Protein backbone atom coordinates (compact mmCIF):
# COMPACT_ATOMS: atom_id res chain seq x y z
CA MET A 1 97.05 -99.22 -70.18
CA LYS A 2 98.61 -95.74 -69.51
CA HIS A 3 101.15 -95.54 -66.70
CA VAL A 4 100.39 -92.64 -64.27
CA THR A 5 103.00 -91.26 -62.04
CA PHE A 6 102.74 -88.97 -59.01
CA LEU A 7 104.48 -86.22 -60.92
CA SER A 8 102.04 -86.37 -63.87
CA VAL A 9 99.04 -86.03 -61.29
CA VAL A 10 100.68 -83.11 -59.61
CA SER A 11 101.34 -81.51 -62.99
CA ALA A 12 97.66 -82.08 -64.07
CA ILE A 13 96.47 -80.52 -60.90
CA LEU A 14 98.66 -77.57 -61.26
CA ALA A 15 97.71 -77.15 -65.06
CA ALA A 16 94.16 -77.14 -63.95
CA GLY A 17 94.79 -74.27 -61.58
CA LEU A 18 93.92 -76.11 -58.39
CA ALA A 19 95.62 -75.09 -55.18
CA ALA A 20 98.02 -77.47 -53.46
CA PRO A 21 96.80 -78.56 -50.02
CA ALA A 22 98.10 -76.57 -46.87
CA VAL A 23 100.79 -78.13 -44.90
CA ALA A 24 100.88 -77.69 -41.18
CA ALA A 25 103.70 -75.41 -40.07
CA PRO A 26 105.93 -76.34 -37.22
CA ASP A 27 105.47 -74.44 -33.99
CA SER A 28 108.41 -72.59 -32.35
CA HIS A 29 109.59 -75.76 -30.66
CA GLY A 30 109.88 -77.68 -33.98
CA ILE A 31 106.63 -79.90 -33.42
CA ALA A 32 104.75 -80.58 -36.58
CA ALA A 33 102.86 -83.26 -38.26
CA ALA A 34 100.55 -83.77 -41.11
CA GLY A 35 97.83 -84.12 -38.48
CA THR A 36 98.46 -80.77 -36.62
CA GLN A 37 96.50 -77.62 -36.75
CA CYS A 38 97.40 -74.51 -34.55
CA TYR A 39 96.02 -71.04 -33.90
CA PRO A 40 98.12 -68.24 -32.43
CA ASN A 41 96.83 -66.07 -29.54
CA THR A 42 98.80 -63.07 -28.25
CA LYS A 43 98.17 -60.77 -25.21
CA THR A 44 100.25 -58.13 -23.53
CA PHE A 45 100.11 -58.13 -19.86
CA LYS A 46 100.61 -54.67 -18.39
CA ARG A 47 101.05 -53.05 -14.98
CA GLY A 48 101.88 -49.41 -15.41
CA THR A 49 104.94 -49.19 -17.65
CA THR A 50 105.98 -52.83 -16.91
CA GLN A 51 104.66 -55.35 -19.57
CA ARG A 52 105.31 -58.74 -21.22
CA THR A 53 103.70 -60.00 -24.36
CA VAL A 54 102.67 -63.71 -24.27
CA THR A 55 102.01 -65.66 -27.37
CA ILE A 56 100.12 -69.12 -26.94
CA ASN A 57 99.79 -71.31 -30.06
CA LEU A 58 96.92 -73.79 -29.25
CA CYS A 59 97.43 -76.99 -31.44
CA VAL A 60 95.61 -80.17 -31.86
CA GLN A 61 97.67 -83.15 -33.22
CA ARG A 62 96.92 -86.72 -34.51
CA ILE A 63 99.78 -88.87 -33.99
CA GLY A 64 99.46 -91.97 -36.13
CA SER A 65 95.86 -93.22 -36.82
CA SER A 66 94.47 -93.32 -33.25
CA THR A 67 96.18 -90.96 -30.92
CA LEU A 68 95.33 -87.41 -30.30
CA ARG A 69 96.50 -84.52 -28.05
CA ALA A 70 96.10 -80.83 -27.49
CA TYR A 71 98.97 -78.74 -26.69
CA ALA A 72 99.96 -75.10 -26.17
CA ASP A 73 103.19 -73.83 -27.30
CA ILE A 74 103.97 -70.74 -25.04
CA SER A 75 106.40 -68.15 -25.78
CA MET A 76 107.05 -64.78 -24.08
CA GLY A 77 109.09 -61.72 -25.07
CA LYS A 78 111.47 -59.82 -22.79
CA LYS A 79 109.83 -58.25 -19.84
CA SER A 80 110.05 -54.44 -19.62
CA GLY A 81 110.29 -52.97 -16.18
CA THR A 82 110.79 -54.84 -12.73
CA PRO A 83 107.48 -55.01 -10.68
CA ASP A 84 105.37 -58.05 -10.74
CA ILE A 85 102.60 -57.87 -13.31
CA VAL A 86 100.29 -60.68 -12.05
CA TYR A 87 99.43 -62.26 -8.84
CA ASP A 88 98.76 -65.47 -10.61
CA ALA A 89 98.04 -66.86 -14.08
CA THR A 90 97.02 -70.43 -14.97
CA LEU A 91 96.64 -71.79 -18.40
CA ASN A 92 94.01 -74.40 -19.18
CA VAL A 93 94.25 -76.50 -22.33
CA ARG A 94 91.66 -78.80 -23.66
CA LEU A 95 91.35 -81.49 -26.21
CA GLU A 96 87.82 -81.30 -27.80
CA HIS A 97 85.71 -83.37 -30.11
CA ASN A 98 82.97 -81.26 -31.53
CA ASP A 99 83.31 -78.71 -28.74
CA ASP A 100 83.02 -81.40 -26.05
CA PRO A 101 86.03 -81.63 -23.61
CA ILE A 102 87.80 -84.88 -23.80
CA GLU A 103 91.15 -84.23 -21.95
CA SER A 104 92.39 -81.20 -20.19
CA THR A 105 95.44 -80.03 -18.24
CA ALA A 106 96.38 -76.83 -16.26
CA ASP A 107 99.74 -75.15 -15.78
CA SER A 108 100.61 -72.11 -13.70
CA MET A 109 102.52 -69.45 -15.69
CA GLY A 110 102.42 -66.53 -13.27
CA TYR A 111 106.15 -66.95 -12.32
CA GLU A 112 107.12 -66.91 -15.97
CA ILE A 113 105.13 -63.72 -16.55
CA ASN A 114 106.75 -61.96 -13.60
CA ASP A 115 110.36 -63.24 -13.82
CA GLU A 116 112.70 -60.46 -14.81
CA SER A 117 115.87 -62.59 -15.02
CA ALA A 118 115.00 -64.34 -18.37
CA SER A 119 114.97 -62.40 -21.63
CA ALA A 120 112.29 -64.70 -22.95
CA TRP A 121 110.46 -67.86 -21.92
CA GLY A 122 109.08 -70.74 -24.04
CA TRP A 123 107.69 -74.12 -23.14
CA ILE A 124 104.88 -76.59 -24.04
CA VAL A 125 101.78 -77.64 -21.98
CA SER A 126 100.11 -80.87 -23.30
CA THR A 127 97.03 -82.91 -22.51
CA ASP A 128 97.37 -86.56 -22.04
CA GLU A 129 97.07 -88.50 -25.24
CA PHE A 130 93.61 -89.81 -26.12
CA SER A 131 93.04 -92.79 -28.19
CA SER A 132 90.27 -92.69 -30.92
CA THR A 133 89.99 -93.61 -34.60
CA VAL A 134 87.08 -91.09 -35.12
CA VAL A 135 88.10 -88.73 -37.99
CA GLY A 136 87.03 -84.99 -37.97
CA GLY A 137 85.90 -82.64 -35.32
CA TRP A 138 89.03 -82.60 -33.09
CA SER A 139 90.24 -79.20 -31.83
CA ALA A 140 92.37 -77.58 -28.99
CA ASP A 141 90.88 -74.83 -26.83
CA GLY A 142 91.96 -73.10 -23.76
CA VAL A 143 91.70 -70.19 -21.34
CA VAL A 144 94.09 -68.24 -19.19
CA TYR A 145 92.87 -67.16 -15.75
CA TYR A 146 95.01 -64.21 -14.51
CA ASP A 147 94.81 -61.54 -11.69
CA LEU A 148 96.65 -58.42 -12.55
CA VAL A 149 98.52 -56.71 -9.63
CA GLY A 150 96.78 -53.55 -8.36
CA ASP A 151 93.93 -53.32 -10.88
CA GLY A 152 91.22 -54.33 -8.35
CA LEU A 153 89.30 -56.59 -10.84
CA GLY A 154 90.28 -59.74 -9.25
CA THR A 155 90.61 -62.89 -11.58
CA GLN A 156 89.90 -62.37 -15.24
CA ALA A 157 89.77 -64.83 -18.17
CA TRP A 158 91.58 -64.55 -21.44
CA GLU A 159 89.41 -66.85 -23.79
CA LEU A 160 91.85 -68.31 -26.22
CA HIS A 161 90.84 -68.75 -29.97
CA GLY A 162 90.74 -72.51 -30.40
CA SER A 163 92.65 -74.30 -33.18
CA PRO A 164 91.17 -75.32 -36.53
CA THR A 165 89.76 -78.93 -36.44
CA ILE A 166 91.40 -81.95 -37.81
């Protein structure tokens, strides 16, 4: 009987020209796991010459064999100018299974968009953990509702691109 090692299997795969599987990259706060998939969303909020760019990485994560959550890893660049940009902004994050909402959470982010004392912001917004052993079809999705100062349009929606499924 021939002895097969991990190295011999990897060598055979590479010799056959097959690609290695993708590995989930950590988000900006160092969170990563084999069962994590993320998608970056970026928008620049503007009021005249004042602006701030916001990036929201929407992620779905499986922790162990039966725990899932969705989270948003939010980062903001330095704000240019001093006037407030938004009256309000609220992020909604959802854990979905086959596009059906399972868990959700909301977080106000208007203060952070308007704040001029900080050069940059970053934080995580996470749904509650959900227990399921069902494999496949899990994703994170979300939306930001915001009202720009002085544009007269009222509340608008920034529909975020959801994460890939796990």
